[in-house]
C-alpha atoms as a PDB file:
ATOM      1  CA  MET A   1     -28.372  -9.325 -38.861  1.00  0.00           C
ATOM      2  CA  GLU A   2     -29.636 -11.504 -41.735  1.00  0.00           C
ATOM      3  CA  PRO A   3     -27.099 -13.898 -43.337  1.00  0.00           C
ATOM      4  CA  GLU A   4     -25.911 -13.106 -46.848  1.00  0.00           C
ATOM      5  CA  LYS A   5     -28.034 -14.786 -49.532  1.00  0.00           C
ATOM      6  CA  MET A   6     -27.151 -16.207 -52.937  1.00  0.00           C
ATOM      7  CA  ASN A   7     -29.910 -15.632 -55.504  1.00  0.00           C
ATOM      8  CA  GLY A   8     -32.419 -15.564 -52.668  1.00  0.00           C
ATOM      9  CA  GLN A   9     -31.067 -18.756 -51.078  1.00  0.00           C
ATOM     10  CA  GLU A  10     -29.470 -19.027 -47.674  1.00  0.00           C
ATOM     11  CA  PRO A  11     -25.809 -20.132 -47.917  1.00  0.00           C
ATOM     12  CA  VAL A  12     -26.641 -23.211 -45.851  1.00  0.00           C
ATOM     13  CA  ASP A  13     -29.304 -24.226 -48.430  1.00  0.00           C
ATOM     14  CA  TYR A  14     -26.771 -23.911 -51.237  1.00  0.00           C
ATOM     15  CA  ALA A  15     -24.175 -25.920 -49.295  1.00  0.00           C
ATOM     16  CA  ALA A  16     -26.721 -28.666 -48.587  1.00  0.00           C
ATOM     17  CA  ARG A  17     -27.617 -28.844 -52.273  1.00  0.00           C
ATOM     18  CA  VAL A  18     -23.954 -29.087 -53.264  1.00  0.00           C
ATOM     19  CA  LEU A  19     -23.389 -31.936 -50.811  1.00  0.00           C
ATOM     20  CA  ARG A  20     -26.518 -33.825 -51.914  1.00  0.00           C
ATOM     21  CA  VAL A  21     -25.711 -33.473 -55.617  1.00  0.00           C
ATOM     22  CA  HIS A  22     -22.062 -34.424 -55.127  1.00  0.00           C
ATOM     23  CA  GLU A  23     -23.133 -37.541 -53.237  1.00  0.00           C
ATOM     24  CA  GLN A  24     -25.625 -38.493 -55.942  1.00  0.00           C
ATOM     25  CA  ALA A  25     -23.173 -37.726 -58.768  1.00  0.00           C
ATOM     26  CA  SER A  26     -20.515 -39.810 -56.995  1.00  0.00           C
ATOM     27  CA  GLU A  27     -22.878 -42.778 -57.001  1.00  0.00           C
ATOM     28  CA  VAL A  28     -23.968 -42.293 -60.607  1.00  0.00           C
ATOM     29  CA  LEU A  29     -20.451 -41.684 -61.933  1.00  0.00           C
ATOM     30  CA  GLU A  30     -18.905 -44.190 -59.494  1.00  0.00           C
ATOM     31  CA  ASP A  31     -16.103 -41.855 -58.394  1.00  0.00           C
ATOM     32  CA  PRO A  32     -16.168 -38.744 -56.167  1.00  0.00           C
ATOM     33  CA  ALA A  33     -13.324 -37.066 -58.093  1.00  0.00           C
ATOM     34  CA  ILE A  34     -15.092 -37.548 -61.427  1.00  0.00           C
ATOM     35  CA  ALA A  35     -18.301 -36.267 -59.827  1.00  0.00           C
ATOM     36  CA  MET A  36     -16.523 -33.070 -58.749  1.00  0.00           C
ATOM     37  CA  GLN A  37     -15.074 -32.605 -62.229  1.00  0.00           C
ATOM     38  CA  TRP A  38     -18.580 -33.051 -63.677  1.00  0.00           C
ATOM     39  CA  MET A  39     -19.967 -30.431 -61.285  1.00  0.00           C
ATOM     40  CA  LEU A  40     -17.295 -27.908 -62.359  1.00  0.00           C
ATOM     41  CA  ARG A  41     -17.691 -28.266 -66.140  1.00  0.00           C
ATOM     42  CA  PRO A  42     -20.204 -26.252 -68.158  1.00  0.00           C
ATOM     43  CA  SER A  43     -22.972 -28.437 -69.549  1.00  0.00           C
ATOM     44  CA  VAL A  44     -24.830 -27.958 -72.802  1.00  0.00           C
ATOM     45  CA  LEU A  45     -27.767 -29.685 -71.116  1.00  0.00           C
ATOM     46  CA  LEU A  46     -27.807 -26.907 -68.502  1.00  0.00           C
ATOM     47  CA  ASN A  47     -27.634 -24.124 -71.105  1.00  0.00           C
ATOM     48  CA  GLY A  48     -23.888 -23.767 -70.633  1.00  0.00           C
ATOM     49  CA  ASP A  49     -24.093 -23.491 -66.841  1.00  0.00           C
ATOM     50  CA  ARG A  50     -21.920 -25.558 -64.539  1.00  0.00           C
ATOM     51  CA  PRO A  51     -23.984 -27.902 -62.350  1.00  0.00           C
ATOM     52  CA  LEU A  52     -22.329 -26.239 -59.335  1.00  0.00           C
ATOM     53  CA  ASP A  53     -23.615 -22.809 -60.389  1.00  0.00           C
ATOM     54  CA  ALA A  54     -27.077 -24.104 -61.241  1.00  0.00           C
ATOM     55  CA  LEU A  55     -27.509 -25.227 -57.632  1.00  0.00           C
ATOM     56  CA  ALA A  56     -27.913 -21.606 -56.503  1.00  0.00           C
ATOM     57  CA  THR A  57     -31.629 -21.751 -57.381  1.00  0.00           C
ATOM     58  CA  GLN A  58     -34.378 -24.305 -56.838  1.00  0.00           C
ATOM     59  CA  ALA A  59     -35.048 -24.457 -60.582  1.00  0.00           C
ATOM     60  CA  GLY A  60     -31.367 -25.108 -61.278  1.00  0.00           C
ATOM     61  CA  TYR A  61     -31.233 -27.759 -58.561  1.00  0.00           C
ATOM     62  CA  ASP A  62     -34.243 -29.465 -60.140  1.00  0.00           C
ATOM     63  CA  ARG A  63     -32.555 -29.413 -63.575  1.00  0.00           C
ATOM     64  CA  VAL A  64     -29.344 -30.927 -62.166  1.00  0.00           C
ATOM     65  CA  GLN A  65     -31.309 -33.619 -60.319  1.00  0.00           C
ATOM     66  CA  SER A  66     -33.211 -34.481 -63.488  1.00  0.00           C
ATOM     67  CA  LEU A  67     -29.972 -34.730 -65.441  1.00  0.00           C
ATOM     68  CA  LEU A  68     -28.439 -37.078 -62.862  1.00  0.00           C
ATOM     69  CA  VAL A  69     -31.518 -39.320 -62.874  1.00  0.00           C
ATOM     70  CA  ARG A  70     -31.363 -39.508 -66.661  1.00  0.00           C
ATOM     71  CA  LEU A  71     -27.657 -40.385 -66.524  1.00  0.00           C
ATOM     72  CA  GLU A  72     -28.273 -42.991 -63.842  1.00  0.00           C
ATOM     73  CA  HIS A  73     -30.995 -44.742 -65.831  1.00  0.00           C
ATOM     74  CA  GLY A  74     -29.327 -44.408 -69.226  1.00  0.00           C
ATOM     75  CA  VAL A  75     -32.112 -42.237 -70.615  1.00  0.00           C
ATOM     76  CA  GLY A  76     -31.051 -40.405 -73.757  1.00  0.00           C
ATOM     77  CA  ILE A  77     -29.753 -36.915 -73.171  1.00  0.00           C
END
């Protein structure tokens, strides 16, 4: 039996993305708790999506990664 998928993604892929993004956000924001709060809040820069929800697709993952890189380097958002 095939495992349940989320938007075409295996649950393990989604979980790996969540862990990677939380780790990166923790470094950028300098606090794991603040990183989790950031992941749970809707973002105008993600068209109102929460970063956590955006991670369900490759395109959303790429958008979240880009946003974190911009935050890390102080690029205007």
